[in-house]
Amino acid sequence: MSSGLKCVGRGTIKIIEECKAVGLPTPVFTNEFSGLQVTFRGKKTSGKTSEKIIKLVGDNKKITIAELSKEIGVTARTIERNLKKLQDQKKITRVGGAKGGHWELS
């Protein structure tokens, strides 16, 4: 926590505990002119997400973006960005359309 923060209430402690519970770094608390500011920092997921996508596609070539999102615990948009990177790197290919298509690992 910021050294400028003098008072910590139960809400602040709960925020820290929840961040730890979901694997996020401890947020940064700063005392601003307008009041308390809380800055949440995300974890870098791109490399790990890509690895998980490859594993899940290897297990189920017809897995959907929604299923990948749920399994990995990130948004569908994050899955889409990682799939694009994997396709650009020629590590994965989409065969067929959104409905009825499947993924192939290169």
N, C-alpha and C. Protein backbone atom coordinates (compact mmCIF):
# COMPACT_ATOMS: atom_id res chain seq x y z
N MET A 1 0.83 -1.18 0.00
CA MET A 1 0.00 0.00 0.00
C MET A 1 0.87 1.24 0.00
N SER A 2 0.30 2.31 -0.47
CA SER A 2 1.02 3.57 -0.52
C SER A 2 1.31 4.06 0.88
N SER A 3 2.49 4.64 1.07
CA SER A 3 2.84 5.14 2.38
C SER A 3 1.97 6.32 2.79
N GLY A 4 1.29 6.98 1.83
CA GLY A 4 0.42 8.11 2.13
C GLY A 4 -0.91 7.68 2.72
N LEU A 5 -1.23 6.41 2.69
CA LEU A 5 -2.50 5.91 3.19
C LEU A 5 -2.37 5.65 4.68
N LYS A 6 -3.14 6.37 5.48
CA LYS A 6 -2.99 6.27 6.93
C LYS A 6 -4.03 5.37 7.57
N CYS A 7 -5.17 5.21 6.94
CA CYS A 7 -6.25 4.44 7.55
C CYS A 7 -6.67 3.31 6.62
N VAL A 8 -6.73 2.13 7.14
CA VAL A 8 -7.15 0.99 6.35
C VAL A 8 -8.37 0.39 7.02
N GLY A 9 -9.47 0.34 6.28
CA GLY A 9 -10.70 -0.22 6.81
C GLY A 9 -10.91 -1.64 6.32
N ARG A 10 -11.99 -2.25 6.75
CA ARG A 10 -12.30 -3.63 6.38
C ARG A 10 -12.50 -3.77 4.87
N GLY A 11 -13.09 -2.75 4.22
CA GLY A 11 -13.29 -2.81 2.77
C GLY A 11 -11.99 -2.93 2.01
N THR A 12 -10.99 -2.18 2.46
CA THR A 12 -9.67 -2.23 1.82
C THR A 12 -9.07 -3.63 1.95
N ILE A 13 -9.20 -4.19 3.12
CA ILE A 13 -8.66 -5.54 3.36
C ILE A 13 -9.39 -6.56 2.49
N LYS A 14 -10.72 -6.41 2.35
CA LYS A 14 -11.48 -7.33 1.51
C LYS A 14 -11.06 -7.22 0.04
N ILE A 15 -10.77 -6.01 -0.42
CA ILE A 15 -10.31 -5.82 -1.81
C ILE A 15 -9.01 -6.59 -2.03
N ILE A 16 -8.09 -6.45 -1.10
CA ILE A 16 -6.79 -7.13 -1.20
C ILE A 16 -6.99 -8.65 -1.19
N GLU A 17 -7.83 -9.14 -0.28
CA GLU A 17 -8.08 -10.59 -0.19
C GLU A 17 -8.70 -11.14 -1.47
N GLU A 18 -9.66 -10.41 -2.05
CA GLU A 18 -10.31 -10.86 -3.28
C GLU A 18 -9.33 -10.88 -4.45
N CYS A 19 -8.46 -9.89 -4.53
CA CYS A 19 -7.45 -9.89 -5.59
C CYS A 19 -6.54 -11.10 -5.46
N LYS A 20 -6.10 -11.39 -4.25
CA LYS A 20 -5.24 -12.56 -4.03
C LYS A 20 -5.98 -13.85 -4.37
N ALA A 21 -7.28 -13.91 -4.04
CA ALA A 21 -8.07 -15.12 -4.28
C ALA A 21 -8.17 -15.46 -5.76
N VAL A 22 -8.18 -14.44 -6.61
CA VAL A 22 -8.29 -14.70 -8.05
C VAL A 22 -6.95 -14.58 -8.77
N GLY A 23 -5.87 -14.48 -8.00
CA GLY A 23 -4.53 -14.49 -8.59
C GLY A 23 -4.06 -13.16 -9.14
N LEU A 24 -4.67 -12.07 -8.71
CA LEU A 24 -4.24 -10.75 -9.17
C LEU A 24 -3.26 -10.14 -8.18
N PRO A 25 -2.38 -9.26 -8.65
CA PRO A 25 -1.47 -8.57 -7.74
C PRO A 25 -2.24 -7.66 -6.78
N THR A 26 -1.65 -7.37 -5.65
CA THR A 26 -2.26 -6.44 -4.70
C THR A 26 -2.44 -5.09 -5.37
N PRO A 27 -3.64 -4.50 -5.26
CA PRO A 27 -3.86 -3.19 -5.88
C PRO A 27 -3.03 -2.11 -5.20
N VAL A 28 -2.84 -1.02 -5.91
CA VAL A 28 -2.08 0.11 -5.37
C VAL A 28 -3.08 1.14 -4.86
N PHE A 29 -2.94 1.53 -3.60
CA PHE A 29 -3.80 2.52 -2.99
C PHE A 29 -3.04 3.83 -2.88
N THR A 30 -3.64 4.91 -3.36
CA THR A 30 -3.01 6.23 -3.24
C THR A 30 -4.04 7.23 -2.74
N ASN A 31 -3.55 8.18 -1.98
CA ASN A 31 -4.38 9.25 -1.47
C ASN A 31 -4.31 10.39 -2.45
N GLU A 32 -5.42 10.66 -3.13
CA GLU A 32 -5.48 11.74 -4.11
C GLU A 32 -6.25 12.91 -3.51
N PHE A 33 -6.18 14.06 -4.17
CA PHE A 33 -6.90 15.25 -3.69
C PHE A 33 -8.39 14.98 -3.58
N SER A 34 -8.92 14.21 -4.53
CA SER A 34 -10.36 13.94 -4.54
C SER A 34 -10.75 12.76 -3.66
N GLY A 35 -9.79 12.08 -3.08
CA GLY A 35 -10.07 10.94 -2.23
C GLY A 35 -9.13 9.78 -2.51
N LEU A 36 -9.53 8.62 -2.06
CA LEU A 36 -8.73 7.41 -2.22
C LEU A 36 -8.83 6.90 -3.65
N GLN A 37 -7.69 6.56 -4.23
CA GLN A 37 -7.66 5.96 -5.57
C GLN A 37 -7.10 4.55 -5.45
N VAL A 38 -7.79 3.61 -6.09
CA VAL A 38 -7.35 2.21 -6.10
C VAL A 38 -7.02 1.85 -7.53
N THR A 39 -5.80 1.37 -7.76
CA THR A 39 -5.38 0.96 -9.09
C THR A 39 -5.21 -0.55 -9.10
N PHE A 40 -6.02 -1.21 -9.93
CA PHE A 40 -5.93 -2.66 -10.06
C PHE A 40 -4.99 -2.98 -11.21
N ARG A 41 -4.14 -3.95 -10.99
CA ARG A 41 -3.21 -4.39 -12.03
C ARG A 41 -3.57 -5.81 -12.41
N GLY A 42 -3.62 -6.05 -13.70
CA GLY A 42 -3.94 -7.39 -14.18
C GLY A 42 -2.68 -8.23 -14.28
N LYS A 43 -2.90 -9.50 -14.42
CA LYS A 43 -1.76 -10.38 -14.62
C LYS A 43 -1.56 -10.59 -16.11
N LYS A 44 -0.33 -10.76 -16.50
CA LYS A 44 -0.03 -11.00 -17.90
C LYS A 44 -0.43 -12.43 -18.23
N THR A 45 -1.36 -12.56 -19.17
CA THR A 45 -1.89 -13.89 -19.46
C THR A 45 -1.58 -14.41 -20.85
N SER A 46 -1.06 -13.57 -21.70
CA SER A 46 -0.94 -13.93 -23.11
C SER A 46 -0.20 -15.25 -23.32
N GLY A 47 0.99 -15.39 -22.76
CA GLY A 47 1.76 -16.62 -22.96
C GLY A 47 1.08 -17.83 -22.37
N LYS A 48 0.60 -17.69 -21.14
CA LYS A 48 -0.08 -18.81 -20.49
C LYS A 48 -1.40 -19.12 -21.17
N THR A 49 -2.11 -18.08 -21.58
CA THR A 49 -3.38 -18.29 -22.26
C THR A 49 -3.17 -19.06 -23.55
N SER A 50 -2.16 -18.68 -24.33
CA SER A 50 -1.88 -19.37 -25.58
C SER A 50 -1.55 -20.84 -25.35
N GLU A 51 -0.75 -21.10 -24.32
CA GLU A 51 -0.40 -22.49 -23.99
C GLU A 51 -1.65 -23.29 -23.62
N LYS A 52 -2.54 -22.68 -22.85
CA LYS A 52 -3.77 -23.36 -22.45
C LYS A 52 -4.68 -23.60 -23.65
N ILE A 53 -4.75 -22.62 -24.55
CA ILE A 53 -5.56 -22.78 -25.76
C ILE A 53 -5.05 -23.97 -26.56
N ILE A 54 -3.76 -24.05 -26.77
CA ILE A 54 -3.18 -25.15 -27.55
C ILE A 54 -3.50 -26.50 -26.90
N LYS A 55 -3.39 -26.58 -25.59
CA LYS A 55 -3.69 -27.83 -24.89
C LYS A 55 -5.17 -28.20 -25.05
N LEU A 56 -6.06 -27.22 -24.84
CA LEU A 56 -7.49 -27.50 -24.94
C LEU A 56 -7.91 -27.85 -26.36
N VAL A 57 -7.34 -27.18 -27.35
CA VAL A 57 -7.64 -27.51 -28.75
C VAL A 57 -7.12 -28.91 -29.08
N GLY A 58 -5.98 -29.27 -28.52
CA GLY A 58 -5.45 -30.61 -28.72
C GLY A 58 -6.39 -31.68 -28.16
N ASP A 59 -7.06 -31.33 -27.07
CA ASP A 59 -8.01 -32.27 -26.44
C ASP A 59 -9.37 -32.29 -27.15
N ASN A 60 -9.75 -31.15 -27.75
CA ASN A 60 -11.07 -31.04 -28.38
C ASN A 60 -10.99 -30.05 -29.53
N LYS A 61 -10.84 -30.54 -30.74
CA LYS A 61 -10.65 -29.69 -31.91
C LYS A 61 -11.89 -28.86 -32.25
N LYS A 62 -13.05 -29.22 -31.71
CA LYS A 62 -14.29 -28.47 -31.99
C LYS A 62 -14.64 -27.51 -30.86
N ILE A 63 -13.71 -27.26 -29.94
CA ILE A 63 -13.98 -26.38 -28.82
C ILE A 63 -14.29 -24.97 -29.31
N THR A 64 -15.24 -24.32 -28.67
CA THR A 64 -15.65 -22.98 -29.08
C THR A 64 -14.89 -21.91 -28.29
N ILE A 65 -14.97 -20.68 -28.78
CA ILE A 65 -14.34 -19.57 -28.08
C ILE A 65 -14.98 -19.41 -26.69
N ALA A 66 -16.29 -19.56 -26.62
CA ALA A 66 -16.97 -19.45 -25.32
C ALA A 66 -16.49 -20.53 -24.35
N GLU A 67 -16.30 -21.75 -24.85
CA GLU A 67 -15.81 -22.83 -23.99
C GLU A 67 -14.37 -22.57 -23.56
N LEU A 68 -13.54 -22.09 -24.49
CA LEU A 68 -12.16 -21.75 -24.13
C LEU A 68 -12.14 -20.66 -23.06
N SER A 69 -12.98 -19.66 -23.25
CA SER A 69 -13.07 -18.55 -22.30
C SER A 69 -13.43 -19.05 -20.91
N LYS A 70 -14.42 -19.91 -20.83
CA LYS A 70 -14.87 -20.45 -19.55
C LYS A 70 -13.79 -21.33 -18.90
N GLU A 71 -13.18 -22.20 -19.69
CA GLU A 71 -12.15 -23.11 -19.18
C GLU A 71 -10.92 -22.37 -18.65
N ILE A 72 -10.50 -21.34 -19.40
CA ILE A 72 -9.26 -20.64 -19.05
C ILE A 72 -9.53 -19.53 -18.04
N GLY A 73 -10.75 -19.00 -18.03
CA GLY A 73 -11.08 -17.95 -17.06
C GLY A 73 -10.73 -16.55 -17.53
N VAL A 74 -10.79 -16.33 -18.83
CA VAL A 74 -10.54 -14.99 -19.40
C VAL A 74 -11.72 -14.66 -20.32
N THR A 75 -11.77 -13.42 -20.78
CA THR A 75 -12.88 -13.02 -21.64
C THR A 75 -12.76 -13.65 -23.03
N ALA A 76 -13.89 -13.68 -23.72
CA ALA A 76 -13.90 -14.18 -25.09
C ALA A 76 -12.99 -13.33 -25.97
N ARG A 77 -12.96 -12.04 -25.71
CA ARG A 77 -12.08 -11.15 -26.49
C ARG A 77 -10.61 -11.52 -26.31
N THR A 78 -10.22 -11.87 -25.10
CA THR A 78 -8.84 -12.31 -24.84
C THR A 78 -8.54 -13.58 -25.62
N ILE A 79 -9.49 -14.50 -25.66
CA ILE A 79 -9.33 -15.74 -26.43
C ILE A 79 -9.17 -15.39 -27.91
N GLU A 80 -10.00 -14.51 -28.42
CA GLU A 80 -9.92 -14.13 -29.83
C GLU A 80 -8.57 -13.52 -30.18
N ARG A 81 -8.06 -12.64 -29.31
CA ARG A 81 -6.74 -12.04 -29.56
C ARG A 81 -5.65 -13.10 -29.58
N ASN A 82 -5.72 -14.04 -28.64
CA ASN A 82 -4.70 -15.09 -28.58
C ASN A 82 -4.81 -16.05 -29.75
N LEU A 83 -6.02 -16.36 -30.18
CA LEU A 83 -6.19 -17.21 -31.35
C LEU A 83 -5.60 -16.54 -32.58
N LYS A 84 -5.83 -15.23 -32.73
CA LYS A 84 -5.26 -14.48 -33.86
C LYS A 84 -3.73 -14.57 -33.85
N LYS A 85 -3.13 -14.38 -32.68
CA LYS A 85 -1.67 -14.48 -32.57
C LYS A 85 -1.19 -15.87 -32.94
N LEU A 86 -1.88 -16.88 -32.44
CA LEU A 86 -1.50 -18.27 -32.75
C LEU A 86 -1.64 -18.56 -34.24
N GLN A 87 -2.68 -18.01 -34.86
CA GLN A 87 -2.86 -18.19 -36.30
C GLN A 87 -1.77 -17.46 -37.08
N ASP A 88 -1.42 -16.26 -36.65
CA ASP A 88 -0.35 -15.50 -37.30
C ASP A 88 0.99 -16.22 -37.18
N GLN A 89 1.20 -16.92 -36.05
CA GLN A 89 2.43 -17.68 -35.82
C GLN A 89 2.38 -19.06 -36.47
N LYS A 90 1.27 -19.35 -37.16
CA LYS A 90 1.08 -20.63 -37.85
C LYS A 90 1.10 -21.82 -36.89
N LYS A 91 0.64 -21.60 -35.65
CA LYS A 91 0.59 -22.68 -34.66
C LYS A 91 -0.79 -23.34 -34.63
N ILE A 92 -1.79 -22.64 -35.16
CA ILE A 92 -3.16 -23.15 -35.14
C ILE A 92 -3.86 -22.65 -36.41
N THR A 93 -4.79 -23.46 -36.91
CA THR A 93 -5.54 -23.11 -38.12
C THR A 93 -7.00 -23.41 -37.90
N ARG A 94 -7.87 -22.54 -38.41
CA ARG A 94 -9.31 -22.79 -38.37
C ARG A 94 -9.71 -23.43 -39.69
N VAL A 95 -10.36 -24.57 -39.62
CA VAL A 95 -10.85 -25.27 -40.80
C VAL A 95 -12.37 -25.20 -40.77
N GLY A 96 -12.96 -24.60 -41.79
CA GLY A 96 -14.41 -24.45 -41.84
C GLY A 96 -14.85 -23.18 -41.14
N GLY A 97 -16.15 -22.99 -41.10
CA GLY A 97 -16.72 -21.78 -40.52
C GLY A 97 -16.90 -21.87 -39.02
N ALA A 98 -17.55 -20.83 -38.49
CA ALA A 98 -17.78 -20.76 -37.05
C ALA A 98 -18.65 -21.92 -36.57
N LYS A 99 -19.63 -22.28 -37.39
CA LYS A 99 -20.49 -23.42 -37.04
C LYS A 99 -20.07 -24.62 -37.87
N GLY A 100 -19.72 -25.67 -37.21
CA GLY A 100 -19.34 -26.88 -37.90
C GLY A 100 -17.87 -26.99 -38.21
N GLY A 101 -17.10 -25.92 -38.00
CA GLY A 101 -15.67 -25.96 -38.25
C GLY A 101 -14.92 -26.53 -37.05
N HIS A 102 -13.60 -26.61 -37.20
CA HIS A 102 -12.76 -27.09 -36.10
C HIS A 102 -11.37 -26.49 -36.20
N TRP A 103 -10.60 -26.65 -35.16
CA TRP A 103 -9.22 -26.16 -35.08
C TRP A 103 -8.25 -27.27 -35.39
N GLU A 104 -7.15 -26.92 -36.01
CA GLU A 104 -6.05 -27.88 -36.21
C GLU A 104 -4.77 -27.24 -35.74
N LEU A 105 -3.98 -28.03 -35.02
CA LEU A 105 -2.68 -27.57 -34.56
C LEU A 105 -1.63 -27.82 -35.63
N SER A 106 -0.74 -26.90 -35.79
CA SER A 106 0.31 -27.04 -36.82
C SER A 106 1.55 -27.67 -36.25
